[in-house]
Amino acid sequence: MSKINTALIERLVAAGGLVVKKKAPEFVRSWHDDPDDRDREVQKYEPDDDEYWSKYKIFFNRQSEILAGIDFHDIPSAHYDALYDDWYAETSLYTQSVLNAVQARLRSQNVI
């Protein structure tokens, strides 16, 4: 079972990142389940398991103090996806340069 990087998430939030997260629906057995499986224990997930969440993102925009001075061009925000441990932003001519600038600034501040 994969775990999300809670230490990194806490540092990103402390640096001014805004969290958007949605809990995944819990598994529910139905009467269609295999009778041999009905007495087995249902898997329970903890909040640091990536299966616990259906969405978990931290985003930064041009109003984030830590990113002051970075030109976002036409991109509204840069996102860190905690489930996939990856950065992304809306597709634009400047997407990669904005993501590189955001990551470089966060690295220089010892956030990532």
C-alpha atoms as a PDB file:
ATOM      1  CA  MET A   1       0.000   0.000   0.000  1.00  0.00           C
ATOM      2  CA  SER A   2       1.434   3.360  -1.010  1.00  0.00           C
ATOM      3  CA  LYS A   3       1.705   6.239   1.417  1.00  0.00           C
ATOM      4  CA  ILE A   4       1.448   9.920   0.613  1.00  0.00           C
ATOM      5  CA  ASN A   5       4.326  12.153   1.657  1.00  0.00           C
ATOM      6  CA  THR A   6       2.686  13.883   4.619  1.00  0.00           C
ATOM      7  CA  ALA A   7       5.888  15.694   5.636  1.00  0.00           C
ATOM      8  CA  LEU A   8       6.145  17.321   2.192  1.00  0.00           C
ATOM      9  CA  ILE A   9       2.442  18.194   2.232  1.00  0.00           C
ATOM     10  CA  GLU A  10       2.807  19.873   5.636  1.00  0.00           C
ATOM     11  CA  ARG A  11       5.785  21.919   4.373  1.00  0.00           C
ATOM     12  CA  LEU A  12       3.887  22.961   1.221  1.00  0.00           C
ATOM     13  CA  VAL A  13       0.879  24.052   3.268  1.00  0.00           C
ATOM     14  CA  ALA A  14       3.126  25.940   5.715  1.00  0.00           C
ATOM     15  CA  ALA A  15       4.658  27.717   2.700  1.00  0.00           C
ATOM     16  CA  GLY A  16       1.223  28.977   1.658  1.00  0.00           C
ATOM     17  CA  GLY A  17      -0.098  26.185  -0.535  1.00  0.00           C
ATOM     18  CA  LEU A  18      -3.846  25.654  -0.561  1.00  0.00           C
ATOM     19  CA  VAL A  19      -5.183  22.118  -0.150  1.00  0.00           C
ATOM     20  CA  VAL A  20      -7.914  20.542  -2.246  1.00  0.00           C
ATOM     21  CA  LYS A  21      -8.716  17.028  -1.132  1.00  0.00           C
ATOM     22  CA  LYS A  22     -11.581  14.594  -1.376  1.00  0.00           C
ATOM     23  CA  LYS A  23     -11.919  11.358   0.545  1.00  0.00           C
ATOM     24  CA  ALA A  24     -12.509   8.253  -1.545  1.00  0.00           C
ATOM     25  CA  PRO A  25     -15.784   6.415  -0.936  1.00  0.00           C
ATOM     26  CA  GLU A  26     -15.460   3.552   1.494  1.00  0.00           C
ATOM     27  CA  PHE A  27     -15.845   0.013   0.239  1.00  0.00           C
ATOM     28  CA  VAL A  28     -19.331  -1.380   0.881  1.00  0.00           C
ATOM     29  CA  ARG A  29     -20.317  -4.983   0.427  1.00  0.00           C
ATOM     30  CA  SER A  30     -23.496  -5.803  -1.424  1.00  0.00           C
ATOM     31  CA  TRP A  31     -25.623  -8.910  -1.492  1.00  0.00           C
ATOM     32  CA  HIS A  32     -24.053  -9.633  -4.905  1.00  0.00           C
ATOM     33  CA  ASP A  33     -20.676 -10.313  -3.278  1.00  0.00           C
ATOM     34  CA  ASP A  34     -19.329 -13.821  -3.385  1.00  0.00           C
ATOM     35  CA  PRO A  35     -20.695 -15.669  -0.304  1.00  0.00           C
ATOM     36  CA  ASP A  36     -17.193 -16.968   0.435  1.00  0.00           C
ATOM     37  CA  ASP A  37     -15.929 -13.381   0.679  1.00  0.00           C
ATOM     38  CA  ARG A  38     -18.646 -12.063   2.985  1.00  0.00           C
ATOM     39  CA  ASP A  39     -16.906 -13.100   6.183  1.00  0.00           C
ATOM     40  CA  ARG A  40     -13.552 -11.621   5.165  1.00  0.00           C
ATOM     41  CA  GLU A  41     -12.494  -8.363   6.695  1.00  0.00           C
ATOM     42  CA  VAL A  42     -12.992  -5.229   4.586  1.00  0.00           C
ATOM     43  CA  GLN A  43      -9.760  -3.329   3.901  1.00  0.00           C
ATOM     44  CA  LYS A  44      -9.510  -0.160   5.997  1.00  0.00           C
ATOM     45  CA  TYR A  45      -7.313   2.732   4.906  1.00  0.00           C
ATOM     46  CA  GLU A  46      -5.600   5.378   7.017  1.00  0.00           C
ATOM     47  CA  PRO A  47      -5.398   9.062   6.009  1.00  0.00           C
ATOM     48  CA  ASP A  48      -1.754   8.673   4.930  1.00  0.00           C
ATOM     49  CA  ASP A  49      -2.622   5.823   2.512  1.00  0.00           C
ATOM     50  CA  ASP A  50      -3.105   7.024  -1.043  1.00  0.00           C
ATOM     51  CA  GLU A  51      -6.185   4.775  -1.424  1.00  0.00           C
ATOM     52  CA  TYR A  52      -7.899   6.833   1.322  1.00  0.00           C
ATOM     53  CA  TRP A  53      -8.161   9.820  -1.057  1.00  0.00           C
ATOM     54  CA  SER A  54      -9.701  10.257  -4.492  1.00  0.00           C
ATOM     55  CA  LYS A  55      -8.138  13.712  -4.822  1.00  0.00           C
ATOM     56  CA  TYR A  56      -5.323  15.358  -2.855  1.00  0.00           C
ATOM     57  CA  LYS A  57      -3.675  18.418  -4.365  1.00  0.00           C
ATOM     58  CA  ILE A  58      -1.821  21.438  -3.088  1.00  0.00           C
ATOM     59  CA  PHE A  59      -1.876  24.463  -5.330  1.00  0.00           C
ATOM     60  CA  PHE A  60      -0.030  27.746  -5.528  1.00  0.00           C
ATOM     61  CA  ASN A  61      -0.931  30.823  -7.544  1.00  0.00           C
ATOM     62  CA  ARG A  62       0.569  34.242  -8.141  1.00  0.00           C
ATOM     63  CA  GLN A  63      -0.870  35.506  -4.829  1.00  0.00           C
ATOM     64  CA  SER A  64       1.250  32.998  -2.862  1.00  0.00           C
ATOM     65  CA  GLU A  65       3.818  35.081  -0.957  1.00  0.00           C
ATOM     66  CA  ILE A  66       6.578  32.510  -1.322  1.00  0.00           C
ATOM     67  CA  LEU A  67       6.260  32.706  -5.119  1.00  0.00           C
ATOM     68  CA  ALA A  68       6.283  36.524  -5.339  1.00  0.00           C
ATOM     69  CA  GLY A  69       8.035  37.705  -8.475  1.00  0.00           C
ATOM     70  CA  ILE A  70       7.454  34.551 -10.531  1.00  0.00           C
ATOM     71  CA  ASP A  71       5.706  35.335 -13.819  1.00  0.00           C
ATOM     72  CA  PHE A  72       2.833  32.864 -14.165  1.00  0.00           C
ATOM     73  CA  HIS A  73       2.033  34.256 -17.647  1.00  0.00           C
ATOM     74  CA  ASP A  74      -1.458  32.945 -18.501  1.00  0.00           C
ATOM     75  CA  ILE A  75      -1.377  30.024 -16.033  1.00  0.00           C
ATOM     76  CA  PRO A  76      -3.701  30.502 -13.035  1.00  0.00           C
ATOM     77  CA  SER A  77      -1.919  28.088 -10.670  1.00  0.00           C
ATOM     78  CA  ALA A  78       0.643  25.327 -10.237  1.00  0.00           C
ATOM     79  CA  HIS A  79      -0.452  22.108  -8.523  1.00  0.00           C
ATOM     80  CA  TYR A  80       1.308  19.365  -6.599  1.00  0.00           C
ATOM     81  CA  ASP A  81      -0.613  16.083  -6.811  1.00  0.00           C
ATOM     82  CA  ALA A  82       0.111  14.176  -3.602  1.00  0.00           C
ATOM     83  CA  LEU A  83      -1.322  10.915  -4.924  1.00  0.00           C
ATOM     84  CA  TYR A  84       0.999  10.809  -7.934  1.00  0.00           C
ATOM     85  CA  ASP A  85       3.879  12.817  -6.397  1.00  0.00           C
ATOM     86  CA  ASP A  86       3.988  15.081  -9.428  1.00  0.00           C
ATOM     87  CA  TRP A  87       3.644  18.747 -10.394  1.00  0.00           C
ATOM     88  CA  TYR A  88       1.370  20.026 -13.130  1.00  0.00           C
ATOM     89  CA  ALA A  89      -0.367  23.138 -14.430  1.00  0.00           C
ATOM     90  CA  GLU A  90      -2.743  24.012 -17.234  1.00  0.00           C
ATOM     91  CA  THR A  91      -1.272  23.419 -20.663  1.00  0.00           C
ATOM     92  CA  SER A  92       0.320  26.521 -22.066  1.00  0.00           C
ATOM     93  CA  LEU A  93       3.375  27.637 -23.927  1.00  0.00           C
ATOM     94  CA  TYR A  94       4.851  28.575 -20.538  1.00  0.00           C
ATOM     95  CA  THR A  95       3.781  25.552 -18.464  1.00  0.00           C
ATOM     96  CA  GLN A  96       7.196  23.934 -18.092  1.00  0.00           C
ATOM     97  CA  SER A  97       9.032  27.181 -17.364  1.00  0.00           C
ATOM     98  CA  VAL A  98       6.464  28.157 -14.703  1.00  0.00           C
ATOM     99  CA  LEU A  99       6.655  24.706 -13.069  1.00  0.00           C
ATOM    100  CA  ASN A 100      10.463  24.856 -13.109  1.00  0.00           C
ATOM    101  CA  ALA A 101      10.420  28.343 -11.525  1.00  0.00           C
ATOM    102  CA  VAL A 102       7.939  27.271  -8.824  1.00  0.00           C
ATOM    103  CA  GLN A 103       9.930  24.151  -7.960  1.00  0.00           C
ATOM    104  CA  ALA A 104      13.220  26.071  -7.957  1.00  0.00           C
ATOM    105  CA  ARG A 105      11.792  28.692  -5.585  1.00  0.00           C
ATOM    106  CA  LEU A 106      10.386  26.039  -3.241  1.00  0.00           C
ATOM    107  CA  ARG A 107      13.733  24.182  -3.311  1.00  0.00           C
ATOM    108  CA  SER A 108      15.635  27.380  -2.515  1.00  0.00           C
ATOM    109  CA  GLN A 109      13.360  27.888   0.519  1.00  0.00           C
ATOM    110  CA  ASN A 110      13.924  24.245   1.607  1.00  0.00           C
ATOM    111  CA  VAL A 111      10.251  23.368   1.158  1.00  0.00           C
ATOM    112  CA  ILE A 112      10.794  20.516  -1.307  1.00  0.00           C
END
